[in-house]
Amino acid sequence: MTSRFSQATAAGLALQDKVAAARDEAVRQRLVTIPAAQQALLRSMLWSIAMGSPQ
């Protein structure tokens, strides 16, 4: 029986790593001008939203 879901390939995983690195760099470039305390607050708020818990 064949799976309905595609299997990860080495090329696909390499592309995923490349996209993630580009995303991380884009976020870093946007946040570089924001003070560290405000970055920490933003990350805390985003984490709370992602986890479904109130601040």
C-alpha atoms as a PDB file:
ATOM      1  CA  MET A   1       0.000   0.000   0.000  1.00  0.00           C
ATOM      2  CA  THR A   2       1.355   3.427  -0.884  1.00  0.00           C
ATOM      3  CA  SER A   3       1.154   6.432   1.366  1.00  0.00           C
ATOM      4  CA  ARG A   4      -0.992   9.449   0.469  1.00  0.00           C
ATOM      5  CA  PHE A   5       1.677  11.653   1.952  1.00  0.00           C
ATOM      6  CA  SER A   6       4.880  12.516   0.167  1.00  0.00           C
ATOM      7  CA  GLN A   7       8.173  11.580   1.734  1.00  0.00           C
ATOM      8  CA  ALA A   8      10.848  14.092   2.668  1.00  0.00           C
ATOM      9  CA  THR A   9      13.838  14.018   0.350  1.00  0.00           C
ATOM     10  CA  ALA A  10      17.357  15.249   0.942  1.00  0.00           C
ATOM     11  CA  ALA A  11      16.741  18.060  -1.549  1.00  0.00           C
ATOM     12  CA  GLY A  12      13.482  19.012   0.135  1.00  0.00           C
ATOM     13  CA  LEU A  13      15.072  19.069   3.581  1.00  0.00           C
ATOM     14  CA  ALA A  14      17.963  21.177   2.259  1.00  0.00           C
ATOM     15  CA  LEU A  15      15.479  23.626   0.749  1.00  0.00           C
ATOM     16  CA  GLN A  16      13.574  23.764   4.034  1.00  0.00           C
ATOM     17  CA  ASP A  17      16.814  24.647   5.853  1.00  0.00           C
ATOM     18  CA  LYS A  18      17.613  27.348   3.274  1.00  0.00           C
ATOM     19  CA  VAL A  19      14.141  28.909   3.577  1.00  0.00           C
ATOM     20  CA  ALA A  20      14.295  28.814   7.385  1.00  0.00           C
ATOM     21  CA  ALA A  21      17.699  30.525   7.362  1.00  0.00           C
ATOM     22  CA  ALA A  22      16.399  33.229   5.003  1.00  0.00           C
ATOM     23  CA  ARG A  23      13.357  33.732   7.228  1.00  0.00           C
ATOM     24  CA  ASP A  24      15.510  34.010  10.345  1.00  0.00           C
ATOM     25  CA  GLU A  25      17.752  36.577   8.656  1.00  0.00           C
ATOM     26  CA  ALA A  26      14.764  38.629   7.469  1.00  0.00           C
ATOM     27  CA  VAL A  27      13.346  38.681  11.016  1.00  0.00           C
ATOM     28  CA  ARG A  28      16.759  39.584  12.448  1.00  0.00           C
ATOM     29  CA  GLN A  29      17.090  42.493  10.028  1.00  0.00           C
ATOM     30  CA  ARG A  30      13.641  43.829  10.981  1.00  0.00           C
ATOM     31  CA  LEU A  31      14.256  43.512  14.723  1.00  0.00           C
ATOM     32  CA  VAL A  32      17.798  44.947  14.777  1.00  0.00           C
ATOM     33  CA  THR A  33      16.500  48.489  15.379  1.00  0.00           C
ATOM     34  CA  ILE A  34      14.099  47.476  18.160  1.00  0.00           C
ATOM     35  CA  PRO A  35      15.498  47.616  21.718  1.00  0.00           C
ATOM     36  CA  ALA A  36      16.177  44.241  23.333  1.00  0.00           C
ATOM     37  CA  ALA A  37      13.529  44.735  26.036  1.00  0.00           C
ATOM     38  CA  GLN A  38      10.845  45.352  23.417  1.00  0.00           C
ATOM     39  CA  GLN A  39      12.033  42.342  21.413  1.00  0.00           C
ATOM     40  CA  ALA A  40      11.720  40.201  24.552  1.00  0.00           C
ATOM     41  CA  LEU A  41       8.198  41.505  25.154  1.00  0.00           C
ATOM     42  CA  LEU A  42       7.204  40.796  21.539  1.00  0.00           C
ATOM     43  CA  ARG A  43       8.578  37.250  21.695  1.00  0.00           C
ATOM     44  CA  SER A  44       6.833  36.644  25.017  1.00  0.00           C
ATOM     45  CA  MET A  45       3.516  37.847  23.627  1.00  0.00           C
ATOM     46  CA  LEU A  46       3.886  35.745  20.465  1.00  0.00           C
ATOM     47  CA  TRP A  47       4.770  32.673  22.555  1.00  0.00           C
ATOM     48  CA  SER A  48       1.677  33.213  24.720  1.00  0.00           C
ATOM     49  CA  ILE A  49      -0.509  33.466  21.633  1.00  0.00           C
ATOM     50  CA  ALA A  50       1.035  30.346  20.105  1.00  0.00           C
ATOM     51  CA  MET A  51       0.565  28.374  23.323  1.00  0.00           C
ATOM     52  CA  GLY A  52      -2.980  29.626  23.841  1.00  0.00           C
ATOM     53  CA  SER A  53      -2.317  31.066  27.272  1.00  0.00           C
ATOM     54  CA  PRO A  54      -3.213  34.595  28.386  1.00  0.00           C
ATOM     55  CA  GLN A  55      -0.469  37.119  29.137  1.00  0.00           C
END
